[in-house]
Amino acid sequence: MKIQPLKGMRDLLPAEQALRDHIQGQILQVYREAGFERISTPMLEDMENLDKSEGGENLNLIFKVLKRGEKLSAALEEGRYDQLADMGLRYDLTLPLSRYYAANRSVLPAPFKVIQTDRVFRAERPQKGRLREFVQCDIDILGDESPNAEVELIDVTARALLRIGFADFTVNVNDRRILRGMLESMGFAPDTLDSVCITFDKMDKVGPEGVRAELLEKQMPAAAVDALASFLAQGDVSLEAVAARCADPSIADGLRYVLATAGRLAQGKYQVAYCPSLVRGQGYYTGMVFEVVCPQFAGAVAGGGRYDNMVGKFLGQQVPAVGFSIGFERVCGILLEQGYRIPGARQKLALLYRAGDDFAAVLAQAEALRAEHSVTVLAQGKKLGKQLASLEAAGFAGAAFFGKDEIKWFADRA
């Protein structure tokens, strides 16, 4: 029998679990204070739903669940190898939410402001920062087509990050419709825009020349590639410059409003900025997209966008929807590396007792100590010094002894 968890999955020690519980509790509190309500959905979804969810590269990372019994045998015998699975583990929380909303729309408020904090699964190649099982903390607004929904999500998500100790971060915002409009005006064919956007999204990493080289490698029209390269070489990739390249420049009005309004709400505690190369990997985004980045950490700590077509796949009619997700694993990892301690956390004490002591009285003394501390009751070991060292290493602040008033505080917690 193997004692290690599967690759890409983790066991959590008590100290890390306590931090995760605290962080998730703080995020949930901010979400609920803003009027969002929490729901839960199953980890498994119908394979047809997952296949049609436009999840981009995530569709190649789905953990599929084989059919059972006679259905599996029949599929194997008939050589229908593409039909061996009928269910899969969810790769994010957006598809399950869209199905949930379609099924329960008649009893849900409009607009529906919803929280999801749950596990998702991706068949990633395990490496630092990429797990196969991880937690996402999402808030979504369904049923509001106005840009106020984007503003509210940015505001609430930013306040959650501030609450748990993040500062000096930037919320980058873009609108896929503006980017696609500019690219189409430069000569890129409409059916190639998704591929072009994926390359353009790499500009921060590879620079304008890297973008140009990859587009030519993809055999995009040279004239269109040159037009984009010339535009980037000018150095002005402001919202006004990009919008001017669109057939209808007014398409940028919503983004202007979000940048101005969210920026005003930030009050200097964080930045809200236009990022012309921001695309986001999921194919289901239809309009504005956003990410939160911190200059001292590589990669984003939160991201999201508008996905107006997803619910319509179930209902046959469009329902406006937009969501923002905090990368919970990344946030917790950063805080752990910084030596984060839970503010106001009660000190942990061990109340030690000996064989023969009145255990009811031991528990009564522990209860009295719990007025100010978190108290664990333990039998005193034969080697007291070794036991106390073990308790200190486990994060205890000190030890009390049954029948005595004094507490032995450990040196670094006295």
Protein backbone atom coordinates (compact mmCIF):
# COMPACT_ATOMS: atom_id res chain seq x y z
CA MET A 1 0.00 0.00 0.00
CA LYS A 2 1.27 3.50 -0.89
CA ILE A 3 1.22 6.18 1.79
CA GLN A 4 1.74 9.18 -0.50
CA PRO A 5 -1.22 10.93 -2.19
CA LEU A 6 -1.57 10.76 -5.95
CA LYS A 7 0.62 13.10 -7.99
CA GLY A 8 -0.87 16.56 -8.23
CA MET A 9 -2.91 16.08 -5.05
CA ARG A 10 -1.99 16.95 -1.49
CA ASP A 11 -2.46 16.01 2.13
CA LEU A 12 -2.74 19.07 4.38
CA LEU A 13 -1.16 19.30 7.82
CA PRO A 14 -3.19 20.94 10.61
CA ALA A 15 -1.35 24.31 10.52
CA GLU A 16 -1.91 24.76 6.79
CA GLN A 17 -5.52 23.61 7.04
CA ALA A 18 -6.12 26.15 9.81
CA LEU A 19 -4.72 28.91 7.59
CA ARG A 20 -6.87 27.77 4.65
CA ASP A 21 -9.99 27.71 6.84
CA HIS A 22 -9.25 31.24 8.02
CA ILE A 23 -8.54 32.60 4.53
CA GLN A 24 -11.64 30.98 3.07
CA GLY A 25 -13.70 32.25 5.99
CA GLN A 26 -12.50 35.82 5.43
CA ILE A 27 -13.23 35.65 1.70
CA LEU A 28 -16.68 34.21 2.35
CA GLN A 29 -17.43 36.91 4.90
CA VAL A 30 -16.64 39.66 2.37
CA TYR A 31 -18.74 37.94 -0.28
CA ARG A 32 -21.71 37.51 2.05
CA GLU A 33 -21.47 41.08 3.35
CA ALA A 34 -21.94 42.13 -0.29
CA GLY A 35 -25.16 40.11 -0.56
CA PHE A 36 -23.87 37.08 -2.44
CA GLU A 37 -25.33 33.65 -1.53
CA ARG A 38 -23.45 30.36 -1.48
CA ILE A 39 -24.50 27.25 -3.41
CA SER A 40 -22.98 23.81 -4.02
CA THR A 41 -22.99 21.65 -7.15
CA PRO A 42 -21.83 18.05 -7.75
CA MET A 43 -18.20 17.34 -8.62
CA LEU A 44 -19.31 15.21 -11.56
CA GLU A 45 -20.95 16.60 -14.70
CA ASP A 46 -22.41 14.99 -17.80
CA MET A 47 -19.64 14.44 -20.37
CA GLU A 48 -21.68 16.07 -23.14
CA ASN A 49 -22.02 19.24 -21.07
CA LEU A 50 -18.28 19.36 -20.40
CA ASP A 51 -17.41 18.76 -24.06
CA LYS A 52 -19.61 21.66 -25.20
CA SER A 53 -18.51 24.11 -22.50
CA GLU A 54 -15.87 25.96 -24.56
CA GLY A 55 -13.31 25.62 -21.81
CA GLY A 56 -10.34 26.08 -24.12
CA GLU A 57 -7.31 23.95 -23.29
CA ASN A 58 -9.06 22.74 -20.12
CA LEU A 59 -11.19 20.42 -22.27
CA ASN A 60 -8.04 18.34 -22.80
CA LEU A 61 -7.54 18.11 -19.02
CA ILE A 62 -10.87 16.57 -18.00
CA PHE A 63 -10.80 13.53 -15.73
CA LYS A 64 -13.28 11.24 -17.47
CA VAL A 65 -15.33 8.57 -15.70
CA LEU A 66 -15.95 5.34 -17.61
CA LYS A 67 -19.42 3.95 -18.14
CA ARG A 68 -20.32 1.05 -15.91
CA GLY A 69 -21.36 -2.57 -16.47
CA GLU A 70 -23.13 -3.51 -19.69
CA LYS A 71 -22.91 -0.01 -21.17
CA LEU A 72 -19.12 -0.06 -20.93
CA SER A 73 -18.92 -3.58 -22.30
CA ALA A 74 -21.16 -2.69 -25.25
CA ALA A 75 -19.11 0.39 -26.11
CA LEU A 76 -15.90 -1.66 -26.04
CA GLU A 77 -17.34 -4.49 -28.13
CA GLU A 78 -18.65 -2.06 -30.75
CA GLY A 79 -15.38 -0.14 -30.87
CA ARG A 80 -17.01 3.14 -29.79
CA TYR A 81 -13.89 4.26 -27.95
CA ASP A 82 -14.95 7.91 -28.02
CA GLN A 83 -18.05 6.95 -26.04
CA LEU A 84 -16.47 5.04 -23.17
CA ALA A 85 -17.05 7.87 -20.68
CA ASP A 86 -20.38 9.46 -19.81
CA MET A 87 -19.27 11.67 -16.89
CA GLY A 88 -16.30 13.81 -15.92
CA LEU A 89 -14.96 15.75 -12.96
CA ARG A 90 -15.60 19.50 -13.28
CA TYR A 91 -12.54 21.50 -14.40
CA ASP A 92 -13.94 24.80 -13.08
CA LEU A 93 -17.14 26.08 -11.44
CA THR A 94 -18.61 28.05 -14.36
CA LEU A 95 -20.15 25.18 -16.34
CA PRO A 96 -21.79 23.65 -13.21
CA LEU A 97 -23.16 27.08 -12.24
CA SER A 98 -24.62 27.62 -15.71
CA ARG A 99 -26.39 24.25 -15.58
CA TYR A 100 -27.57 24.94 -12.01
CA TYR A 101 -29.01 28.32 -13.04
CA ALA A 102 -30.79 26.82 -16.04
CA ALA A 103 -32.36 24.14 -13.83
CA ASN A 104 -33.38 26.46 -10.96
CA ARG A 105 -33.96 29.80 -12.66
CA SER A 106 -37.64 29.99 -11.72
CA VAL A 107 -36.87 30.02 -7.97
CA LEU A 108 -33.73 32.19 -8.03
CA PRO A 109 -33.62 35.97 -7.57
CA ALA A 110 -32.84 38.23 -10.52
CA PRO A 111 -30.08 39.12 -10.79
CA PHE A 112 -28.60 36.11 -9.03
CA LYS A 113 -25.48 36.94 -7.00
CA VAL A 114 -23.84 33.67 -6.12
CA ILE A 115 -20.80 32.26 -4.27
CA GLN A 116 -19.03 28.99 -5.05
CA THR A 117 -16.01 27.81 -3.05
CA ASP A 118 -15.24 24.24 -3.97
CA ARG A 119 -12.81 21.72 -5.43
CA VAL A 120 -12.15 21.37 -9.13
CA PHE A 121 -10.01 18.88 -11.03
CA ARG A 122 -7.69 19.08 -14.03
CA ALA A 123 -5.45 16.35 -15.45
CA GLU A 124 -2.46 18.68 -15.38
CA ARG A 125 1.15 17.64 -15.57
CA PRO A 126 1.95 18.07 -11.85
CA GLN A 127 4.48 20.80 -11.06
CA LYS A 128 4.83 23.73 -8.69
CA GLY A 129 1.72 25.86 -8.92
CA ARG A 130 -0.19 23.28 -10.96
CA LEU A 131 -2.23 20.74 -9.03
CA ARG A 132 -4.73 18.18 -10.25
CA GLU A 133 -7.12 18.95 -7.40
CA PHE A 134 -7.51 22.51 -6.15
CA VAL A 135 -10.01 24.97 -4.66
CA GLN A 136 -11.56 27.94 -6.44
CA CYS A 137 -13.39 30.82 -4.75
CA ASP A 138 -15.89 32.28 -7.24
CA ILE A 139 -18.49 35.01 -7.21
CA ASP A 140 -20.82 35.43 -10.19
CA ILE A 141 -23.71 37.67 -11.19
CA LEU A 142 -26.27 36.16 -13.57
CA GLY A 143 -29.04 38.18 -15.16
CA ASP A 144 -27.35 41.61 -15.28
CA GLU A 145 -26.12 42.76 -18.70
CA SER A 146 -24.93 46.18 -17.52
CA PRO A 147 -21.24 46.92 -16.83
CA ASN A 148 -22.24 47.57 -13.23
CA ALA A 149 -21.94 43.81 -12.75
CA GLU A 150 -18.26 43.93 -13.72
CA VAL A 151 -17.68 46.91 -11.44
CA GLU A 152 -19.29 45.15 -8.49
CA LEU A 153 -17.30 41.95 -8.99
CA ILE A 154 -14.03 43.88 -9.22
CA ASP A 155 -14.91 45.85 -6.07
CA VAL A 156 -15.95 42.81 -4.00
CA THR A 157 -13.02 40.64 -5.14
CA ALA A 158 -10.55 43.44 -4.41
CA ARG A 159 -12.02 43.93 -0.93
CA ALA A 160 -11.65 40.19 -0.27
CA LEU A 161 -7.98 40.33 -1.25
CA LEU A 162 -7.43 43.39 0.93
CA ARG A 163 -9.16 41.63 3.83
CA ILE A 164 -6.70 38.71 3.72
CA GLY A 165 -3.64 40.93 3.54
CA PHE A 166 -2.89 41.58 -0.14
CA ALA A 167 -1.96 45.12 -1.16
CA ASP A 168 -0.47 47.06 -4.07
CA PHE A 169 -2.11 44.77 -6.61
CA THR A 170 -3.50 45.70 -10.01
CA VAL A 171 -6.79 44.62 -11.56
CA ASN A 172 -6.09 44.38 -15.29
CA VAL A 173 -9.18 44.67 -17.52
CA ASN A 174 -9.81 44.18 -21.24
CA ASP A 175 -12.75 43.46 -23.54
CA ARG A 176 -12.45 40.65 -26.05
CA ARG A 177 -14.84 42.41 -28.41
CA ILE A 178 -12.51 45.40 -28.70
CA LEU A 179 -9.45 43.24 -29.28
CA ARG A 180 -11.24 41.13 -31.88
CA GLY A 181 -12.55 44.26 -33.61
CA MET A 182 -9.04 45.68 -33.91
CA LEU A 183 -7.56 42.43 -35.19
CA GLU A 184 -10.32 41.94 -37.74
CA SER A 185 -9.77 45.49 -39.05
CA MET A 186 -6.11 44.59 -39.57
CA GLY A 187 -7.01 41.73 -41.87
CA PHE A 188 -7.18 38.65 -39.66
CA ALA A 189 -10.02 36.33 -40.65
CA PRO A 190 -12.87 36.03 -38.09
CA ASP A 191 -12.38 32.27 -37.75
CA THR A 192 -8.70 32.76 -36.78
CA LEU A 193 -9.23 35.42 -34.12
CA ASP A 194 -9.24 32.99 -31.19
CA SER A 195 -5.86 31.65 -32.26
CA VAL A 196 -4.50 35.16 -32.82
CA CYS A 197 -5.74 36.26 -29.39
CA ILE A 198 -4.00 33.33 -27.70
CA THR A 199 -0.72 34.48 -29.24
CA PHE A 200 -1.38 38.14 -28.44
CA ASP A 201 -1.99 37.16 -24.82
CA LYS A 202 1.71 36.21 -24.62
CA MET A 203 2.95 39.73 -25.41
CA ASP A 204 3.97 40.43 -21.81
CA LYS A 205 6.18 37.32 -21.89
CA VAL A 206 7.59 37.27 -25.45
CA GLY A 207 7.26 40.90 -26.53
CA PRO A 208 6.03 42.29 -29.89
CA GLU A 209 8.67 40.41 -31.91
CA GLY A 210 7.75 37.14 -30.24
CA VAL A 211 4.07 37.73 -31.05
CA ARG A 212 4.97 38.49 -34.69
CA ALA A 213 7.12 35.37 -35.00
CA GLU A 214 4.45 33.06 -33.59
CA LEU A 215 1.72 34.50 -35.82
CA LEU A 216 3.88 33.97 -38.90
CA GLU A 217 4.60 30.44 -37.69
CA LYS A 218 0.83 29.91 -37.52
CA GLN A 219 0.72 31.02 -41.19
CA MET A 220 -1.43 34.07 -40.52
CA PRO A 221 -1.62 36.58 -43.41
CA ALA A 222 1.66 38.48 -43.58
CA ALA A 223 -0.07 41.81 -44.26
CA ALA A 224 -2.23 41.41 -41.14
CA VAL A 225 0.77 40.40 -39.04
CA ASP A 226 2.73 43.40 -40.32
CA ALA A 227 -0.19 45.71 -39.52
CA LEU A 228 -0.30 44.41 -35.95
CA ALA A 229 3.50 44.61 -35.60
CA SER A 230 3.47 48.19 -36.90
CA PHE A 231 0.74 49.13 -34.44
CA LEU A 232 2.68 47.62 -31.52
CA ALA A 233 5.91 49.30 -32.66
CA GLN A 234 4.24 52.71 -32.32
CA GLY A 235 4.17 52.13 -28.57
CA ASP A 236 0.64 53.50 -28.12
CA VAL A 237 -1.62 50.62 -27.12
CA SER A 238 -4.00 52.77 -25.10
CA LEU A 239 -7.71 52.01 -25.07
CA GLU A 240 -8.37 54.99 -27.32
CA ALA A 241 -5.78 53.85 -29.86
CA VAL A 242 -7.17 50.30 -29.94
CA ALA A 243 -10.80 51.46 -30.10
CA ALA A 244 -9.96 53.76 -33.02
CA ARG A 245 -8.97 50.66 -34.99
CA CYS A 246 -12.43 49.09 -34.54
CA ALA A 247 -15.24 49.53 -37.06
CA ASP A 248 -17.39 50.85 -34.19
CA PRO A 249 -15.22 52.74 -31.63
CA SER A 250 -18.21 53.06 -29.27
CA ILE A 251 -17.74 49.37 -28.44
CA ALA A 252 -15.21 50.58 -25.86
CA ASP A 253 -17.75 52.67 -23.91
CA GLY A 254 -18.53 49.89 -21.44
CA LEU A 255 -14.86 49.28 -20.71
CA ARG A 256 -14.23 53.01 -20.23
CA TYR A 257 -17.05 53.07 -17.68
CA VAL A 258 -15.72 50.03 -15.78
CA LEU A 259 -12.17 51.40 -15.65
CA ALA A 260 -13.31 54.81 -14.42
CA THR A 261 -15.86 53.55 -11.88
CA ALA A 262 -13.81 50.68 -10.47
CA GLY A 263 -10.78 52.96 -10.33
CA ARG A 264 -12.74 55.50 -8.29
CA LEU A 265 -13.86 52.78 -5.85
CA ALA A 266 -10.25 51.62 -5.39
CA GLN A 267 -9.40 54.88 -3.58
CA GLY A 268 -5.70 54.29 -4.18
CA LYS A 269 -5.64 50.97 -2.28
CA TYR A 270 -5.00 49.11 -5.56
CA GLN A 271 -4.86 49.93 -9.25
CA VAL A 272 -7.37 49.28 -12.05
CA ALA A 273 -5.73 49.32 -15.49
CA TYR A 274 -6.47 48.62 -19.15
CA CYS A 275 -4.42 45.67 -20.42
CA PRO A 276 -4.73 45.36 -24.23
CA SER A 277 -3.14 41.90 -24.41
CA LEU A 278 -5.31 40.27 -21.72
CA VAL A 279 -7.42 37.47 -23.24
CA ARG A 280 -7.89 34.67 -20.65
CA GLY A 281 -7.72 31.06 -21.82
CA GLN A 282 -11.34 29.92 -21.61
CA GLY A 283 -13.23 30.05 -24.88
CA TYR A 284 -16.56 30.86 -23.24
CA TYR A 285 -15.71 34.49 -22.42
CA THR A 286 -17.70 36.88 -24.60
CA GLY A 287 -16.84 40.39 -23.40
CA MET A 288 -14.83 41.92 -20.60
CA VAL A 289 -12.11 39.84 -18.92
CA PHE A 290 -10.00 40.67 -15.88
CA GLU A 291 -7.04 39.43 -13.82
CA VAL A 292 -5.41 40.49 -10.57
CA VAL A 293 -1.61 40.64 -10.54
CA CYS A 294 0.86 41.60 -7.81
CA PRO A 295 4.26 42.98 -8.83
CA GLN A 296 6.10 40.83 -6.28
CA PHE A 297 4.57 37.55 -7.49
CA ALA A 298 4.62 35.94 -10.92
CA GLY A 299 1.25 35.11 -12.47
CA ALA A 300 -2.29 36.11 -11.57
CA VAL A 301 -3.96 35.58 -8.17
CA ALA A 302 -7.51 36.03 -9.52
CA GLY A 303 -9.27 36.16 -12.87
CA GLY A 304 -12.63 36.10 -14.60
CA GLY A 305 -14.86 37.64 -17.22
CA ARG A 306 -18.24 37.79 -18.92
CA TYR A 307 -19.72 34.60 -20.39
CA ASP A 308 -23.11 35.60 -21.78
CA ASN A 309 -23.59 32.51 -23.97
CA MET A 310 -22.97 29.70 -21.46
CA VAL A 311 -26.40 29.52 -19.79
CA GLY A 312 -28.01 29.83 -23.23
CA LYS A 313 -26.53 26.46 -24.19
CA PHE A 314 -28.99 24.94 -21.72
CA LEU A 315 -31.99 27.28 -22.07
CA GLY A 316 -31.83 28.17 -25.75
CA GLN A 317 -31.88 31.86 -24.86
CA GLN A 318 -29.06 34.16 -23.82
CA VAL A 319 -28.63 34.99 -20.15
CA PRO A 320 -26.02 37.63 -19.22
CA ALA A 321 -23.43 36.30 -16.78
CA VAL A 322 -20.08 37.42 -15.40
CA GLY A 323 -17.79 35.95 -12.75
CA PHE A 324 -14.55 36.53 -10.85
CA SER A 325 -12.49 33.72 -9.28
CA ILE A 326 -9.76 34.00 -6.63
CA GLY A 327 -6.95 31.47 -7.12
CA PHE A 328 -7.27 30.06 -3.62
CA GLU A 329 -4.30 27.67 -3.82
CA ARG A 330 -2.01 30.39 -5.14
CA VAL A 331 -3.16 32.89 -2.53
CA CYS A 332 -2.63 30.41 0.32
CA GLY A 333 0.78 29.41 -1.04
CA ILE A 334 1.92 33.05 -1.17
CA LEU A 335 0.72 33.74 2.38
CA LEU A 336 2.45 30.59 3.69
CA GLU A 337 5.73 31.63 2.06
CA GLN A 338 5.39 35.02 3.75
CA GLY A 339 5.00 33.37 7.17
CA TYR A 340 1.41 34.57 7.49
CA ARG A 341 -0.19 34.15 10.91
CA ILE A 342 -3.90 34.29 11.52
CA PRO A 343 -4.71 37.69 13.07
CA GLY A 344 -6.24 37.43 16.51
CA ALA A 345 -5.92 33.63 16.56
CA ARG A 346 -6.27 32.14 20.01
CA GLN A 347 -3.12 30.65 21.50
CA LYS A 348 -3.10 26.88 21.68
CA LEU A 349 -2.47 25.28 25.07
CA ALA A 350 -2.09 21.66 26.09
CA LEU A 351 -3.52 20.65 29.47
CA LEU A 352 -1.49 17.67 30.70
CA TYR A 353 -2.83 15.18 33.21
CA ARG A 354 -1.51 11.99 34.85
CA ALA A 355 -2.95 8.50 35.07
CA GLY A 356 -5.35 8.33 37.99
CA ASP A 357 -6.43 11.97 37.78
CA ASP A 358 -10.17 12.62 37.83
CA PHE A 359 -10.82 12.99 34.08
CA ALA A 360 -14.09 14.84 34.61
CA ALA A 361 -12.18 17.41 36.67
CA VAL A 362 -9.49 17.56 33.97
CA LEU A 363 -12.11 18.44 31.36
CA ALA A 364 -13.65 21.00 33.71
CA GLN A 365 -10.26 22.74 34.09
CA ALA A 366 -9.82 22.67 30.30
CA GLU A 367 -13.20 24.31 29.86
CA ALA A 368 -12.23 27.10 32.26
CA LEU A 369 -9.01 27.71 30.31
CA ARG A 370 -10.99 27.86 27.07
CA ALA A 371 -12.37 31.22 28.09
CA GLU A 372 -9.08 32.67 26.77
CA HIS A 373 -7.29 29.87 24.90
CA SER A 374 -7.81 26.87 22.63
CA VAL A 375 -7.08 23.88 24.86
CA THR A 376 -6.19 20.29 24.02
CA VAL A 377 -6.29 17.68 26.80
CA LEU A 378 -3.39 15.21 26.70
CA ALA A 379 -1.98 12.50 28.97
CA GLN A 380 1.42 13.57 30.31
CA GLY A 381 4.23 11.57 28.73
CA LYS A 382 7.00 9.79 30.55
CA LYS A 383 9.56 12.12 28.96
CA LEU A 384 8.05 15.54 29.68
CA GLY A 385 10.81 17.52 28.00
CA LYS A 386 10.40 15.62 24.74
CA GLN A 387 6.61 16.03 24.91
CA LEU A 388 6.88 19.78 25.48
CA ALA A 389 9.32 20.16 22.55
CA SER A 390 6.90 18.26 20.34
CA LEU A 391 4.03 20.51 21.41
CA GLU A 392 6.07 23.63 20.68
CA ALA A 393 6.98 22.32 17.24
CA ALA A 394 3.29 21.69 16.58
CA GLY A 395 2.45 25.36 17.23
CA PHE A 396 1.35 25.25 20.87
CA ALA A 397 2.04 28.40 22.90
CA GLY A 398 2.46 26.57 26.19
CA ALA A 399 1.34 23.79 28.50
CA ALA A 400 -0.80 23.77 31.63
CA PHE A 401 -0.89 21.00 34.23
CA PHE A 402 -3.96 19.55 35.89
CA GLY A 403 -4.53 20.89 39.37
CA LYS A 404 -2.09 23.78 38.95
CA ASP A 405 -2.71 27.41 38.07
CA GLU A 406 0.55 28.30 36.32
CA ILE A 407 1.16 27.86 32.60
CA LYS A 408 4.53 26.94 31.12
CA TRP A 409 4.91 29.24 28.11
CA PHE A 410 7.30 28.26 25.36
CA ALA A 411 10.16 30.69 24.76
CA ASP A 412 9.15 32.09 21.35
CA ARG A 413 5.51 32.52 22.39
CA ALA A 414 5.80 33.91 25.85
